[in-house]
Every structure is written in structure tokens, then in C-alpha cells.
Amino acid sequence: MIKKLFLITFILFIVSVNNAFGHTGLESSSPQDGEVITAGPNDIKMTFETKVEQGSTFEVTNANGDPISIENITLSNNQMTGRLLNELANGAYKVNWKIIGADGHPIEGEFSFSVNTPTTVDPTEENEDSGQKNTEKNKDDSDSLNEEEVQTEQGQTKPKTNWIPSLIGILIIAVIGSFLWIMRKGK
């Protein structure tokens, strides 16, 4: 009977450990992580899994790490929105957010997106110099390849595992296993 009670308590403890490490995370964003948009966004909007508290903020940087001006960051329940002051040029951008979750803990994260606005060519310029057009086309092709390389590099550095809860869980199991082994050896 004691073994069954201990086993049930152990299972309930392991199940509840996941809830203790459950902080607020990013549920969705606009633009989405990894999205390539064809028109620069006016706003950056993030929706989190629970309410975000005052003091939460974010910043947008371009591929060179230069900050992009944002005005009027607003918090509304589980959403954080900021208006971009200027239209974004073609290229890769990263959004670094820092929030204070409903449980009071600070949480950080990031996501990235790219802007690839098609450029319009004036028909009179097109007829004047077709050689220039080919040069521009090759440049555009190399730019798109560079953006893909940036996205690939960002994708490779993104996966972050939350190893601390796993380590704590393994340590708890090891302690309980050792305790059971010692108890069994004593009988």
C-alpha cells in the first residue's frame, strides 16, 4: 500500500513540475517568425500566452544590428504592439522582446522576418539601357541569395532548448531512485 501511495505521489509531482516551469511565451506575431513580406509593416504586433505586465518592451534591428525607430509601444492584456516610424527597406530584421509575465518573471525572446518589396522600373529607363537592367537583375538575385543565407544562419542559431527543467527532473528522479535503492537495501 505504501509503495502505491508513493508511486501516485511521485507521478503527481512529476506532472506538476511542468506547470512550475511554464512561463509566458510568444503565441503569435505579425509579421510572423521567418516570414518574408512584400510590403513593409506599419506595426509590429505580438500576442503572448498570458497577460503581459507594464515594463514590457521590444526593439527592432536590421541585419547590421542598427536599431529601427519605434513609437507608442502599447500593452493590452496579452498583446504588445509598436508602430514603426519609417517604412522598412528591403532586408532582414530581428525583433528582440522583453516582457514581464503574469507571474512577475522577466522573459526574453526574439523572432525575425524579412522585407522584400518589389521595385518598379520606369519603362523609359528600361529602353535606354538594357545592360543596366541585366546588372540590376543580377544584383537583385544576389540580394535574394544573401537574404536566404541570413535566414539560414538565423534559423541555425534559433533553436534554444529549455534544459534546466529537464536537468531538474533528472536530478529528482535520481534522488528518488537512490532513496528507493537505499530503502530496499536496508530491508
C-alpha atoms as a PDB file:
ATOM      1  CA  MET A   1       0.000   0.000   0.000  1.00  0.00           C
ATOM      2  CA  ILE A   2       2.813   2.417   0.865  1.00  0.00           C
ATOM      3  CA  LYS A   3       4.527   1.700  -2.451  1.00  0.00           C
ATOM      4  CA  LYS A   4       1.340   2.537  -4.377  1.00  0.00           C
ATOM      5  CA  LEU A   5       0.855   5.748  -2.413  1.00  0.00           C
ATOM      6  CA  PHE A   6       4.479   6.713  -3.021  1.00  0.00           C
ATOM      7  CA  LEU A   7       4.152   5.953  -6.756  1.00  0.00           C
ATOM      8  CA  ILE A   8       0.970   8.054  -7.076  1.00  0.00           C
ATOM      9  CA  THR A   9       2.618  10.939  -5.195  1.00  0.00           C
ATOM     10  CA  PHE A  10       5.689  10.672  -7.413  1.00  0.00           C
ATOM     11  CA  ILE A  11       3.604  10.747 -10.617  1.00  0.00           C
ATOM     12  CA  LEU A  12       1.600  13.759  -9.416  1.00  0.00           C
ATOM     13  CA  PHE A  13       4.825  15.533  -8.504  1.00  0.00           C
ATOM     14  CA  ILE A  14       6.379  14.937 -11.934  1.00  0.00           C
ATOM     15  CA  VAL A  15       3.220  16.115 -13.710  1.00  0.00           C
ATOM     16  CA  SER A  16       3.060  19.307 -11.637  1.00  0.00           C
ATOM     17  CA  VAL A  17       6.752  20.147 -12.224  1.00  0.00           C
ATOM     18  CA  ASN A  18       5.948  21.116 -15.831  1.00  0.00           C
ATOM     19  CA  ASN A  19       3.450  23.712 -14.610  1.00  0.00           C
ATOM     20  CA  ALA A  20       6.045  25.274 -12.315  1.00  0.00           C
ATOM     21  CA  PHE A  21       8.318  25.996 -15.282  1.00  0.00           C
ATOM     22  CA  GLY A  22       5.539  27.236 -17.562  1.00  0.00           C
ATOM     23  CA  HIS A  23       6.312  30.899 -18.197  1.00  0.00           C
ATOM     24  CA  THR A  24       4.616  33.133 -20.688  1.00  0.00           C
ATOM     25  CA  GLY A  25       5.784  32.593 -24.240  1.00  0.00           C
ATOM     26  CA  LEU A  26       5.143  34.192 -27.601  1.00  0.00           C
ATOM     27  CA  GLU A  27       1.967  32.733 -29.096  1.00  0.00           C
ATOM     28  CA  SER A  28       1.996  34.593 -32.432  1.00  0.00           C
ATOM     29  CA  SER A  29       3.361  37.696 -34.091  1.00  0.00           C
ATOM     30  CA  SER A  30       2.728  39.925 -37.057  1.00  0.00           C
ATOM     31  CA  PRO A  31       4.899  39.654 -39.062  1.00  0.00           C
ATOM     32  CA  GLN A  32       5.446  36.001 -38.204  1.00  0.00           C
ATOM     33  CA  ASP A  33       8.809  34.450 -37.392  1.00  0.00           C
ATOM     34  CA  GLY A  34      10.700  33.757 -40.628  1.00  0.00           C
ATOM     35  CA  GLU A  35       8.080  35.446 -42.805  1.00  0.00           C
ATOM     36  CA  VAL A  36       9.138  37.283 -45.966  1.00  0.00           C
ATOM     37  CA  ILE A  37       6.773  40.197 -46.501  1.00  0.00           C
ATOM     38  CA  THR A  38       6.429  42.140 -49.739  1.00  0.00           C
ATOM     39  CA  ALA A  39       5.394  45.424 -48.129  1.00  0.00           C
ATOM     40  CA  GLY A  40       6.937  46.910 -45.024  1.00  0.00           C
ATOM     41  CA  PRO A  41       4.720  46.582 -41.945  1.00  0.00           C
ATOM     42  CA  ASN A  42       3.393  49.660 -40.170  1.00  0.00           C
ATOM     43  CA  ASP A  43       3.119  47.852 -36.834  1.00  0.00           C
ATOM     44  CA  ILE A  44       4.838  45.016 -35.020  1.00  0.00           C
ATOM     45  CA  LYS A  45       2.246  43.054 -33.061  1.00  0.00           C
ATOM     46  CA  MET A  46       2.917  40.190 -30.647  1.00  0.00           C
ATOM     47  CA  THR A  47       0.411  38.008 -28.836  1.00  0.00           C
ATOM     48  CA  PHE A  48       1.599  36.132 -25.752  1.00  0.00           C
ATOM     49  CA  GLU A  49       0.172  33.092 -23.960  1.00  0.00           C
ATOM     50  CA  THR A  50      -0.876  35.114 -20.903  1.00  0.00           C
ATOM     51  CA  LYS A  51      -1.176  38.750 -19.842  1.00  0.00           C
ATOM     52  CA  VAL A  52       1.962  40.887 -20.104  1.00  0.00           C
ATOM     53  CA  GLU A  53       2.706  43.472 -17.429  1.00  0.00           C
ATOM     54  CA  GLN A  54       3.855  47.107 -17.581  1.00  0.00           C
ATOM     55  CA  GLY A  55       7.568  47.466 -18.311  1.00  0.00           C
ATOM     56  CA  SER A  56       7.450  45.044 -21.234  1.00  0.00           C
ATOM     57  CA  THR A  57       9.161  46.310 -24.374  1.00  0.00           C
ATOM     58  CA  PHE A  58      10.767  45.320 -27.668  1.00  0.00           C
ATOM     59  CA  GLU A  59      13.239  46.600 -30.221  1.00  0.00           C
ATOM     60  CA  VAL A  60      13.678  46.015 -33.942  1.00  0.00           C
ATOM     61  CA  THR A  61      17.126  45.851 -35.544  1.00  0.00           C
ATOM     62  CA  ASN A  62      18.230  45.444 -39.142  1.00  0.00           C
ATOM     63  CA  ALA A  63      20.763  42.897 -40.423  1.00  0.00           C
ATOM     64  CA  ASN A  64      23.640  45.183 -39.358  1.00  0.00           C
ATOM     65  CA  GLY A  65      22.274  45.425 -35.810  1.00  0.00           C
ATOM     66  CA  ASP A  66      21.190  49.048 -36.222  1.00  0.00           C
ATOM     67  CA  PRO A  67      18.039  49.889 -34.224  1.00  0.00           C
ATOM     68  CA  ILE A  68      14.829  50.820 -36.053  1.00  0.00           C
ATOM     69  CA  SER A  69      12.751  53.631 -34.516  1.00  0.00           C
ATOM     70  CA  ILE A  70       9.527  52.526 -32.841  1.00  0.00           C
ATOM     71  CA  GLU A  71       6.913  54.747 -31.259  1.00  0.00           C
ATOM     72  CA  ASN A  72       3.983  54.151 -28.989  1.00  0.00           C
ATOM     73  CA  ILE A  73       4.510  50.632 -27.654  1.00  0.00           C
ATOM     74  CA  THR A  74       1.146  49.642 -26.197  1.00  0.00           C
ATOM     75  CA  LEU A  75       0.194  46.754 -23.935  1.00  0.00           C
ATOM     76  CA  SER A  76      -3.310  45.368 -23.986  1.00  0.00           C
ATOM     77  CA  ASN A  77      -3.943  42.220 -21.946  1.00  0.00           C
ATOM     78  CA  ASN A  78      -1.791  39.603 -23.760  1.00  0.00           C
ATOM     79  CA  GLN A  79      -0.753  41.786 -26.731  1.00  0.00           C
ATOM     80  CA  MET A  80       2.134  44.173 -27.265  1.00  0.00           C
ATOM     81  CA  THR A  81       2.110  46.469 -30.310  1.00  0.00           C
ATOM     82  CA  GLY A  82       4.505  49.126 -31.564  1.00  0.00           C
ATOM     83  CA  ARG A  83       4.252  51.471 -34.548  1.00  0.00           C
ATOM     84  CA  LEU A  84       7.264  51.819 -36.837  1.00  0.00           C
ATOM     85  CA  LEU A  85       8.197  55.438 -37.550  1.00  0.00           C
ATOM     86  CA  ASN A  86       9.570  54.784 -41.053  1.00  0.00           C
ATOM     87  CA  GLU A  87       8.895  52.263 -43.790  1.00  0.00           C
ATOM     88  CA  LEU A  88      11.365  49.382 -43.677  1.00  0.00           C
ATOM     89  CA  ALA A  89      13.820  48.912 -46.537  1.00  0.00           C
ATOM     90  CA  ASN A  90      14.425  45.503 -48.094  1.00  0.00           C
ATOM     91  CA  GLY A  91      16.441  43.234 -45.839  1.00  0.00           C
ATOM     92  CA  ALA A  92      16.366  41.055 -42.750  1.00  0.00           C
ATOM     93  CA  TYR A  93      15.094  42.306 -39.390  1.00  0.00           C
ATOM     94  CA  LYS A  94      15.119  40.919 -35.863  1.00  0.00           C
ATOM     95  CA  VAL A  95      12.632  41.702 -33.096  1.00  0.00           C
ATOM     96  CA  ASN A  96      14.015  41.283 -29.557  1.00  0.00           C
ATOM     97  CA  TRP A  97      11.249  41.340 -26.965  1.00  0.00           C
ATOM     98  CA  LYS A  98      11.470  41.543 -23.186  1.00  0.00           C
ATOM     99  CA  ILE A  99       8.300  41.109 -21.187  1.00  0.00           C
ATOM    100  CA  ILE A 100       7.244  40.719 -17.610  1.00  0.00           C
ATOM    101  CA  GLY A 101       4.868  37.776 -17.469  1.00  0.00           C
ATOM    102  CA  ALA A 102       1.751  37.479 -15.359  1.00  0.00           C
ATOM    103  CA  ASP A 103       3.811  35.600 -12.755  1.00  0.00           C
ATOM    104  CA  GLY A 104       6.210  38.569 -12.441  1.00  0.00           C
ATOM    105  CA  HIS A 105       9.200  36.887 -14.081  1.00  0.00           C
ATOM    106  CA  PRO A 106      11.097  38.673 -16.867  1.00  0.00           C
ATOM    107  CA  ILE A 107      11.134  36.693 -20.110  1.00  0.00           C
ATOM    108  CA  GLU A 108      13.078  37.406 -23.290  1.00  0.00           C
ATOM    109  CA  GLY A 109      12.787  36.144 -26.826  1.00  0.00           C
ATOM    110  CA  GLU A 110      13.267  37.033 -30.441  1.00  0.00           C
ATOM    111  CA  PHE A 111      11.947  36.418 -33.897  1.00  0.00           C
ATOM    112  CA  SER A 112      12.988  37.569 -37.331  1.00  0.00           C
ATOM    113  CA  PHE A 113      11.395  38.476 -40.616  1.00  0.00           C
ATOM    114  CA  SER A 114      12.481  39.875 -43.972  1.00  0.00           C
ATOM    115  CA  VAL A 115      11.147  42.629 -46.194  1.00  0.00           C
ATOM    116  CA  ASN A 116      11.370  42.048 -49.943  1.00  0.00           C
ATOM    117  CA  THR A 117       9.426  44.862 -51.612  1.00  0.00           C
ATOM    118  CA  PRO A 118       9.399  44.552 -55.410  1.00  0.00           C
ATOM    119  CA  THR A 119      10.995  47.528 -57.120  1.00  0.00           C
ATOM    120  CA  THR A 120       9.218  49.178 -60.032  1.00  0.00           C
ATOM    121  CA  VAL A 121      11.169  50.052 -63.170  1.00  0.00           C
ATOM    122  CA  ASP A 122      10.267  53.094 -65.283  1.00  0.00           C
ATOM    123  CA  PRO A 123       9.613  51.933 -68.912  1.00  0.00           C
ATOM    124  CA  THR A 124      11.670  54.825 -70.378  1.00  0.00           C
ATOM    125  CA  GLU A 125      14.696  53.857 -68.294  1.00  0.00           C
ATOM    126  CA  GLU A 126      14.254  50.249 -69.352  1.00  0.00           C
ATOM    127  CA  ASN A 127      14.549  51.147 -73.056  1.00  0.00           C
ATOM    128  CA  GLU A 128      17.545  53.451 -72.522  1.00  0.00           C
ATOM    129  CA  ASP A 129      19.931  50.924 -71.069  1.00  0.00           C
ATOM    130  CA  SER A 130      19.157  47.223 -71.171  1.00  0.00           C
ATOM    131  CA  GLY A 131      22.695  46.431 -69.974  1.00  0.00           C
ATOM    132  CA  GLN A 132      21.988  48.262 -66.743  1.00  0.00           C
ATOM    133  CA  LYS A 133      18.824  46.185 -66.345  1.00  0.00           C
ATOM    134  CA  ASN A 134      20.794  42.945 -66.526  1.00  0.00           C
ATOM    135  CA  THR A 135      23.241  44.257 -63.939  1.00  0.00           C
ATOM    136  CA  GLU A 136      20.371  45.209 -61.621  1.00  0.00           C
ATOM    137  CA  LYS A 137      18.764  41.805 -62.123  1.00  0.00           C
ATOM    138  CA  ASN A 138      21.989  40.046 -61.159  1.00  0.00           C
ATOM    139  CA  LYS A 139      22.279  42.328 -58.116  1.00  0.00           C
ATOM    140  CA  ASP A 140      18.676  41.519 -57.106  1.00  0.00           C
ATOM    141  CA  ASP A 141      19.419  37.796 -57.475  1.00  0.00           C
ATOM    142  CA  SER A 142      22.485  38.094 -55.245  1.00  0.00           C
ATOM    143  CA  ASP A 143      20.491  40.169 -52.723  1.00  0.00           C
ATOM    144  CA  SER A 144      17.832  37.465 -52.503  1.00  0.00           C
ATOM    145  CA  LEU A 145      20.553  34.835 -52.036  1.00  0.00           C
ATOM    146  CA  ASN A 146      22.089  36.930 -49.253  1.00  0.00           C
ATOM    147  CA  GLU A 147      18.691  37.188 -47.545  1.00  0.00           C
ATOM    148  CA  GLU A 148      18.294  33.406 -47.770  1.00  0.00           C
ATOM    149  CA  GLU A 149      21.757  32.963 -46.236  1.00  0.00           C
ATOM    150  CA  VAL A 150      20.839  35.339 -43.397  1.00  0.00           C
ATOM    151  CA  GLN A 151      17.605  33.424 -42.790  1.00  0.00           C
ATOM    152  CA  THR A 152      19.504  30.124 -42.818  1.00  0.00           C
ATOM    153  CA  GLU A 153      22.063  31.472 -40.345  1.00  0.00           C
ATOM    154  CA  GLN A 154      19.309  32.817 -38.098  1.00  0.00           C
ATOM    155  CA  GLY A 155      17.449  29.518 -38.320  1.00  0.00           C
ATOM    156  CA  GLN A 156      20.577  27.656 -37.238  1.00  0.00           C
ATOM    157  CA  THR A 157      21.093  29.820 -34.173  1.00  0.00           C
ATOM    158  CA  LYS A 158      17.442  29.889 -33.120  1.00  0.00           C
ATOM    159  CA  PRO A 159      16.735  26.513 -31.571  1.00  0.00           C
ATOM    160  CA  LYS A 160      17.050  27.085 -27.847  1.00  0.00           C
ATOM    161  CA  THR A 161      16.136  24.235 -25.589  1.00  0.00           C
ATOM    162  CA  ASN A 162      14.974  24.816 -22.095  1.00  0.00           C
ATOM    163  CA  TRP A 163      17.338  22.300 -20.491  1.00  0.00           C
ATOM    164  CA  ILE A 164      17.065  23.478 -16.898  1.00  0.00           C
ATOM    165  CA  PRO A 165      13.652  21.850 -16.206  1.00  0.00           C
ATOM    166  CA  SER A 166      14.870  18.627 -17.811  1.00  0.00           C
ATOM    167  CA  LEU A 167      18.007  18.639 -15.669  1.00  0.00           C
ATOM    168  CA  ILE A 168      15.999  19.262 -12.501  1.00  0.00           C
ATOM    169  CA  GLY A 169      13.610  16.443 -13.439  1.00  0.00           C
ATOM    170  CA  ILE A 170      16.513  14.028 -13.984  1.00  0.00           C
ATOM    171  CA  LEU A 171      18.066  15.033 -10.657  1.00  0.00           C
ATOM    172  CA  ILE A 172      14.766  14.484  -8.847  1.00  0.00           C
ATOM    173  CA  ILE A 173      14.393  11.045 -10.423  1.00  0.00           C
ATOM    174  CA  ALA A 174      17.996  10.200  -9.452  1.00  0.00           C
ATOM    175  CA  VAL A 175      17.416  11.266  -5.833  1.00  0.00           C
ATOM    176  CA  ILE A 176      14.179   9.282  -5.585  1.00  0.00           C
ATOM    177  CA  GLY A 177      15.807   6.264  -7.238  1.00  0.00           C
ATOM    178  CA  SER A 178      18.715   6.426  -4.793  1.00  0.00           C
ATOM    179  CA  PHE A 179      16.302   6.734  -1.880  1.00  0.00           C
ATOM    180  CA  LEU A 180      14.340   3.682  -3.060  1.00  0.00           C
ATOM    181  CA  TRP A 181      17.549   1.705  -3.597  1.00  0.00           C
ATOM    182  CA  ILE A 182      18.786   2.519  -0.079  1.00  0.00           C
ATOM    183  CA  MET A 183      15.385   1.669   1.438  1.00  0.00           C
ATOM    184  CA  ARG A 184      15.293  -1.649  -0.401  1.00  0.00           C
ATOM    185  CA  LYS A 185      18.880  -2.492   0.578  1.00  0.00           C
ATOM    186  CA  GLY A 186      18.069  -1.847   4.247  1.00  0.00           C
ATOM    187  CA  LYS A 187      15.312  -4.494   4.344  1.00  0.00           C
END
